[in-house]
Amino acid sequence: MSHARFIHRRTRRSVLRERESLVLDNAEGTIIAVDRGCLWVTLEHDTRDIVLVKGMRFEIDRAGRTIVAAEADSTLRLLSPVTLQERLSAWLRRGVAQLRNRWVNGPSRRMAPYY
């Protein structure tokens, strides 16, 4: 996977108690970072067993279902890639909101010239 496509990442924090699990669908490119505890990661159509402990991280390298199971009480971060399309969409939404605010709030603040 090329890292050039995903420059920015969205962070989501989660807490999993022992024996709890988290299911991620089509999370290719997402990084699982362990802040506390121990996690067991299973990828669809993959024979690897991935065990992560505090300070370790793993990038999901394939599409499909990923199951993250806590072997102990754990705190983790999911760093999801943000595509260029998502960034442009957010930029356009902010721009439209700013224009709308200027249009709605602008005329009421302007004073008419007094001659």
N, C-alpha and C. Protein backbone atom coordinates (compact mmCIF):
# COMPACT_ATOMS: atom_id res chain seq x y z
N MET A 1 0.84 -1.18 0.00
CA MET A 1 0.00 0.00 0.00
C MET A 1 0.88 1.24 0.00
N SER A 2 0.56 2.18 -0.83
CA SER A 2 1.33 3.41 -0.93
C SER A 2 0.88 4.38 0.16
N HIS A 3 1.85 4.87 0.93
CA HIS A 3 1.53 5.81 2.00
C HIS A 3 1.33 7.23 1.46
N ALA A 4 1.67 7.48 0.21
CA ALA A 4 1.56 8.82 -0.37
C ALA A 4 0.10 9.24 -0.51
N ARG A 5 -0.81 8.29 -0.67
CA ARG A 5 -2.22 8.64 -0.84
C ARG A 5 -2.84 9.17 0.43
N PHE A 6 -2.34 8.73 1.59
CA PHE A 6 -2.96 9.06 2.86
C PHE A 6 -1.97 9.82 3.73
N ILE A 7 -2.01 11.13 3.62
CA ILE A 7 -1.09 11.95 4.40
C ILE A 7 -1.67 12.21 5.78
N HIS A 8 -2.95 12.48 5.85
CA HIS A 8 -3.61 12.81 7.10
C HIS A 8 -4.32 11.59 7.65
N ARG A 9 -4.43 11.52 8.97
CA ARG A 9 -5.12 10.41 9.60
C ARG A 9 -6.10 10.93 10.66
N ARG A 10 -7.20 10.23 10.76
CA ARG A 10 -8.24 10.53 11.74
C ARG A 10 -8.03 9.57 12.91
N THR A 11 -8.00 10.07 14.13
CA THR A 11 -7.75 9.24 15.31
C THR A 11 -9.03 8.98 16.08
N ARG A 12 -9.20 7.72 16.45
CA ARG A 12 -10.34 7.31 17.28
C ARG A 12 -9.78 6.48 18.43
N ARG A 13 -10.12 6.84 19.65
CA ARG A 13 -9.64 6.11 20.82
C ARG A 13 -10.73 5.14 21.27
N SER A 14 -10.30 3.97 21.75
CA SER A 14 -11.24 2.97 22.24
C SER A 14 -10.65 2.29 23.47
N VAL A 15 -11.56 1.83 24.33
CA VAL A 15 -11.18 1.03 25.48
C VAL A 15 -11.90 -0.30 25.35
N LEU A 16 -11.14 -1.38 25.43
CA LEU A 16 -11.72 -2.71 25.39
C LEU A 16 -11.39 -3.41 26.69
N ARG A 17 -12.40 -3.96 27.33
CA ARG A 17 -12.19 -4.76 28.54
C ARG A 17 -11.73 -6.15 28.11
N GLU A 18 -11.17 -6.89 29.03
CA GLU A 18 -10.72 -8.25 28.74
C GLU A 18 -11.84 -9.05 28.10
N ARG A 19 -11.54 -9.73 27.01
CA ARG A 19 -12.45 -10.58 26.23
C ARG A 19 -13.43 -9.81 25.34
N GLU A 20 -13.40 -8.49 25.36
CA GLU A 20 -14.23 -7.71 24.44
C GLU A 20 -13.53 -7.66 23.08
N SER A 21 -14.33 -7.43 22.03
CA SER A 21 -13.74 -7.34 20.70
C SER A 21 -14.33 -6.18 19.92
N LEU A 22 -13.62 -5.81 18.89
CA LEU A 22 -14.01 -4.72 18.00
C LEU A 22 -13.89 -5.26 16.58
N VAL A 23 -14.94 -5.07 15.78
CA VAL A 23 -14.94 -5.55 14.40
C VAL A 23 -14.79 -4.35 13.47
N LEU A 24 -13.82 -4.42 12.57
CA LEU A 24 -13.58 -3.37 11.58
C LEU A 24 -13.78 -3.97 10.20
N ASP A 25 -14.59 -3.33 9.38
CA ASP A 25 -14.82 -3.79 8.02
C ASP A 25 -14.09 -2.90 7.04
N ASN A 26 -13.35 -3.51 6.13
CA ASN A 26 -12.61 -2.80 5.08
C ASN A 26 -11.80 -1.64 5.63
N ALA A 27 -10.96 -1.93 6.60
CA ALA A 27 -10.17 -0.91 7.28
C ALA A 27 -8.72 -0.88 6.79
N GLU A 28 -8.49 -1.26 5.56
CA GLU A 28 -7.13 -1.27 5.02
C GLU A 28 -6.49 0.11 5.17
N GLY A 29 -5.26 0.12 5.66
CA GLY A 29 -4.55 1.39 5.87
C GLY A 29 -4.71 1.94 7.27
N THR A 30 -5.63 1.39 8.06
CA THR A 30 -5.83 1.84 9.44
C THR A 30 -4.71 1.28 10.31
N ILE A 31 -4.22 2.11 11.20
CA ILE A 31 -3.17 1.69 12.13
C ILE A 31 -3.79 1.47 13.50
N ILE A 32 -3.50 0.32 14.09
CA ILE A 32 -3.94 0.00 15.45
C ILE A 32 -2.74 0.24 16.35
N ALA A 33 -2.86 1.17 17.29
CA ALA A 33 -1.77 1.49 18.22
C ALA A 33 -2.24 1.18 19.64
N VAL A 34 -1.46 0.42 20.38
CA VAL A 34 -1.84 0.00 21.72
C VAL A 34 -1.19 0.93 22.74
N ASP A 35 -2.02 1.56 23.56
CA ASP A 35 -1.52 2.44 24.63
C ASP A 35 -1.41 1.69 25.96
N ARG A 36 -2.26 0.65 26.14
CA ARG A 36 -2.26 -0.12 27.38
C ARG A 36 -2.88 -1.47 27.09
N GLY A 37 -2.35 -2.53 27.67
CA GLY A 37 -2.96 -3.84 27.55
C GLY A 37 -2.36 -4.71 26.47
N CYS A 38 -3.17 -5.67 26.00
CA CYS A 38 -2.73 -6.65 25.01
C CYS A 38 -3.88 -6.95 24.06
N LEU A 39 -3.62 -6.89 22.76
CA LEU A 39 -4.66 -7.12 21.74
C LEU A 39 -4.24 -8.25 20.82
N TRP A 40 -5.24 -8.98 20.37
CA TRP A 40 -5.03 -10.04 19.38
C TRP A 40 -5.80 -9.61 18.14
N VAL A 41 -5.11 -9.48 17.02
CA VAL A 41 -5.71 -9.00 15.78
C VAL A 41 -5.80 -10.17 14.79
N THR A 42 -7.00 -10.36 14.24
CA THR A 42 -7.23 -11.40 13.24
C THR A 42 -7.77 -10.75 11.99
N LEU A 43 -7.15 -11.07 10.84
CA LEU A 43 -7.57 -10.52 9.56
C LEU A 43 -8.26 -11.60 8.74
N GLU A 44 -9.29 -11.20 8.00
CA GLU A 44 -10.00 -12.13 7.13
C GLU A 44 -9.06 -12.68 6.06
N HIS A 45 -9.13 -13.98 5.83
CA HIS A 45 -8.30 -14.68 4.83
C HIS A 45 -6.81 -14.50 5.09
N ASP A 46 -6.41 -14.51 6.35
CA ASP A 46 -5.02 -14.37 6.73
C ASP A 46 -4.73 -15.36 7.85
N THR A 47 -3.67 -16.11 7.73
CA THR A 47 -3.35 -17.12 8.73
C THR A 47 -2.49 -16.59 9.88
N ARG A 48 -2.05 -15.33 9.78
CA ARG A 48 -1.20 -14.77 10.84
C ARG A 48 -1.99 -14.56 12.13
N ASP A 49 -1.32 -14.74 13.26
CA ASP A 49 -1.83 -14.30 14.55
C ASP A 49 -0.99 -13.09 14.93
N ILE A 50 -1.66 -11.96 15.12
CA ILE A 50 -0.95 -10.72 15.42
C ILE A 50 -1.29 -10.33 16.85
N VAL A 51 -0.29 -10.33 17.71
CA VAL A 51 -0.48 -9.96 19.11
C VAL A 51 0.28 -8.66 19.34
N LEU A 52 -0.43 -7.68 19.88
CA LEU A 52 0.16 -6.36 20.13
C LEU A 52 0.09 -6.05 21.62
N VAL A 53 1.16 -5.50 22.15
CA VAL A 53 1.20 -5.06 23.55
C VAL A 53 1.52 -3.57 23.57
N LYS A 54 1.51 -3.00 24.76
CA LYS A 54 1.73 -1.56 24.93
C LYS A 54 2.92 -1.07 24.11
N GLY A 55 2.68 0.00 23.36
CA GLY A 55 3.74 0.63 22.56
C GLY A 55 3.85 0.08 21.14
N MET A 56 3.16 -1.02 20.85
CA MET A 56 3.25 -1.59 19.50
C MET A 56 2.12 -1.06 18.63
N ARG A 57 2.35 -1.13 17.31
CA ARG A 57 1.32 -0.73 16.36
C ARG A 57 1.36 -1.65 15.16
N PHE A 58 0.22 -1.71 14.46
CA PHE A 58 0.11 -2.58 13.29
C PHE A 58 -0.78 -1.89 12.28
N GLU A 59 -0.34 -1.87 11.01
CA GLU A 59 -1.15 -1.31 9.94
C GLU A 59 -1.89 -2.44 9.24
N ILE A 60 -3.21 -2.33 9.15
CA ILE A 60 -4.03 -3.33 8.48
C ILE A 60 -3.69 -3.27 7.00
N ASP A 61 -3.24 -4.39 6.47
CA ASP A 61 -2.69 -4.40 5.11
C ASP A 61 -3.58 -5.05 4.07
N ARG A 62 -4.85 -5.23 4.37
CA ARG A 62 -5.76 -5.83 3.40
C ARG A 62 -7.20 -5.42 3.70
N ALA A 63 -8.03 -5.49 2.67
CA ALA A 63 -9.46 -5.21 2.84
C ALA A 63 -10.12 -6.43 3.48
N GLY A 64 -11.35 -6.30 3.88
CA GLY A 64 -12.07 -7.39 4.52
C GLY A 64 -12.29 -7.09 5.98
N ARG A 65 -12.76 -8.09 6.70
CA ARG A 65 -13.08 -7.93 8.11
C ARG A 65 -11.84 -8.14 8.97
N THR A 66 -11.69 -7.26 9.97
CA THR A 66 -10.60 -7.36 10.95
C THR A 66 -11.24 -7.41 12.32
N ILE A 67 -10.79 -8.35 13.13
CA ILE A 67 -11.32 -8.47 14.50
C ILE A 67 -10.17 -8.18 15.46
N VAL A 68 -10.43 -7.24 16.37
CA VAL A 68 -9.46 -6.86 17.39
C VAL A 68 -10.04 -7.33 18.72
N ALA A 69 -9.37 -8.27 19.37
CA ALA A 69 -9.85 -8.82 20.64
C ALA A 69 -8.88 -8.46 21.75
N ALA A 70 -9.42 -8.09 22.92
CA ALA A 70 -8.59 -7.72 24.05
C ALA A 70 -8.29 -8.96 24.90
N GLU A 71 -7.01 -9.24 25.08
CA GLU A 71 -6.59 -10.33 25.94
C GLU A 71 -6.50 -9.85 27.39
N ALA A 72 -6.42 -8.55 27.57
CA ALA A 72 -6.43 -7.90 28.88
C ALA A 72 -7.11 -6.55 28.68
N ASP A 73 -7.49 -5.88 29.78
CA ASP A 73 -8.08 -4.55 29.64
C ASP A 73 -7.11 -3.69 28.83
N SER A 74 -7.61 -3.06 27.78
CA SER A 74 -6.72 -2.38 26.83
C SER A 74 -7.27 -1.02 26.40
N THR A 75 -6.35 -0.13 26.09
CA THR A 75 -6.68 1.16 25.49
C THR A 75 -5.93 1.20 24.16
N LEU A 76 -6.65 1.59 23.10
CA LEU A 76 -6.03 1.61 21.78
C LEU A 76 -6.46 2.83 21.01
N ARG A 77 -5.67 3.13 19.98
CA ARG A 77 -6.01 4.20 19.04
C ARG A 77 -6.11 3.60 17.66
N LEU A 78 -7.13 4.00 16.92
CA LEU A 78 -7.27 3.62 15.52
C LEU A 78 -6.99 4.86 14.70
N LEU A 79 -5.96 4.80 13.88
CA LEU A 79 -5.59 5.94 13.03
C LEU A 79 -6.00 5.59 11.61
N SER A 80 -7.15 6.14 11.19
CA SER A 80 -7.71 5.83 9.88
C SER A 80 -7.23 6.83 8.84
N PRO A 81 -6.92 6.36 7.65
CA PRO A 81 -6.49 7.27 6.59
C PRO A 81 -7.63 8.16 6.12
N VAL A 82 -7.30 9.38 5.79
CA VAL A 82 -8.27 10.33 5.24
C VAL A 82 -7.86 10.56 3.79
N THR A 83 -8.77 10.23 2.87
CA THR A 83 -8.45 10.37 1.45
C THR A 83 -8.52 11.82 1.01
N LEU A 84 -7.96 12.09 -0.14
CA LEU A 84 -8.00 13.43 -0.72
C LEU A 84 -9.45 13.86 -0.94
N GLN A 85 -10.30 12.95 -1.36
CA GLN A 85 -11.71 13.28 -1.59
C GLN A 85 -12.38 13.72 -0.29
N GLU A 86 -12.11 13.04 0.82
CA GLU A 86 -12.68 13.43 2.12
C GLU A 86 -12.17 14.79 2.56
N ARG A 87 -10.88 15.05 2.33
CA ARG A 87 -10.32 16.34 2.70
C ARG A 87 -10.93 17.47 1.87
N LEU A 88 -11.09 17.26 0.56
CA LEU A 88 -11.69 18.28 -0.30
C LEU A 88 -13.15 18.52 0.07
N SER A 89 -13.86 17.46 0.39
CA SER A 89 -15.26 17.58 0.79
C SER A 89 -15.38 18.42 2.07
N ALA A 90 -14.53 18.16 3.04
CA ALA A 90 -14.55 18.93 4.29
C ALA A 90 -14.19 20.39 4.02
N TRP A 91 -13.21 20.63 3.16
CA TRP A 91 -12.81 22.00 2.82
C TRP A 91 -13.97 22.75 2.17
N LEU A 92 -14.68 22.10 1.25
CA LEU A 92 -15.83 22.73 0.59
C LEU A 92 -16.95 23.02 1.59
N ARG A 93 -17.22 22.09 2.49
CA ARG A 93 -18.27 22.33 3.51
C ARG A 93 -17.93 23.53 4.38
N ARG A 94 -16.64 23.63 4.79
CA ARG A 94 -16.23 24.79 5.60
C ARG A 94 -16.38 26.09 4.82
N GLY A 95 -15.98 26.07 3.54
CA GLY A 95 -16.09 27.27 2.70
C GLY A 95 -17.53 27.71 2.51
N VAL A 96 -18.43 26.76 2.25
CA VAL A 96 -19.85 27.09 2.08
C VAL A 96 -20.41 27.65 3.38
N ALA A 97 -20.05 27.07 4.53
CA ALA A 97 -20.53 27.57 5.82
C ALA A 97 -20.05 28.99 6.08
N GLN A 98 -18.78 29.27 5.75
CA GLN A 98 -18.26 30.63 5.94
C GLN A 98 -18.99 31.63 5.05
N LEU A 99 -19.22 31.28 3.79
CA LEU A 99 -19.96 32.17 2.88
C LEU A 99 -21.38 32.41 3.37
N ARG A 100 -22.03 31.34 3.83
CA ARG A 100 -23.40 31.47 4.33
C ARG A 100 -23.44 32.38 5.55
N ASN A 101 -22.47 32.23 6.46
CA ASN A 101 -22.42 33.10 7.64
C ASN A 101 -22.17 34.55 7.27
N ARG A 102 -21.30 34.79 6.30
CA ARG A 102 -21.06 36.16 5.86
C ARG A 102 -22.31 36.76 5.23
N TRP A 103 -23.02 35.97 4.44
CA TRP A 103 -24.21 36.46 3.78
C TRP A 103 -25.32 36.75 4.78
N VAL A 104 -25.50 35.86 5.76
CA VAL A 104 -26.56 36.03 6.76
C VAL A 104 -26.22 37.15 7.73
N ASN A 105 -24.99 37.20 8.21
CA ASN A 105 -24.60 38.17 9.23
C ASN A 105 -24.08 39.47 8.65
N GLY A 106 -23.65 39.47 7.42
CA GLY A 106 -23.02 40.64 6.82
C GLY A 106 -23.89 41.87 6.71
N PRO A 107 -25.06 41.81 6.05
CA PRO A 107 -25.85 43.02 5.84
C PRO A 107 -26.34 43.67 7.13
N SER A 108 -26.61 42.90 8.16
CA SER A 108 -27.13 43.49 9.41
C SER A 108 -26.08 44.34 10.12
N ARG A 109 -24.81 44.06 9.91
CA ARG A 109 -23.76 44.81 10.57
C ARG A 109 -23.37 46.05 9.81
N ARG A 110 -23.67 46.11 8.54
CA ARG A 110 -23.26 47.26 7.74
C ARG A 110 -24.15 48.46 8.06
N MET A 111 -23.51 49.60 8.09
CA MET A 111 -24.26 50.82 8.35
C MET A 111 -24.46 51.54 7.02
N ALA A 112 -25.61 52.12 6.88
CA ALA A 112 -25.87 52.90 5.68
C ALA A 112 -25.13 54.23 5.81
N PRO A 113 -24.58 54.69 4.71
CA PRO A 113 -23.89 55.98 4.79
C PRO A 113 -24.86 57.12 5.13
N TYR A 114 -24.44 58.04 5.94
CA TYR A 114 -25.27 59.18 6.32
C TYR A 114 -24.70 60.41 5.64
N TYR A 115 -25.58 61.07 4.85
CA TYR A 115 -25.14 62.28 4.15
C TYR A 115 -25.81 63.47 4.72
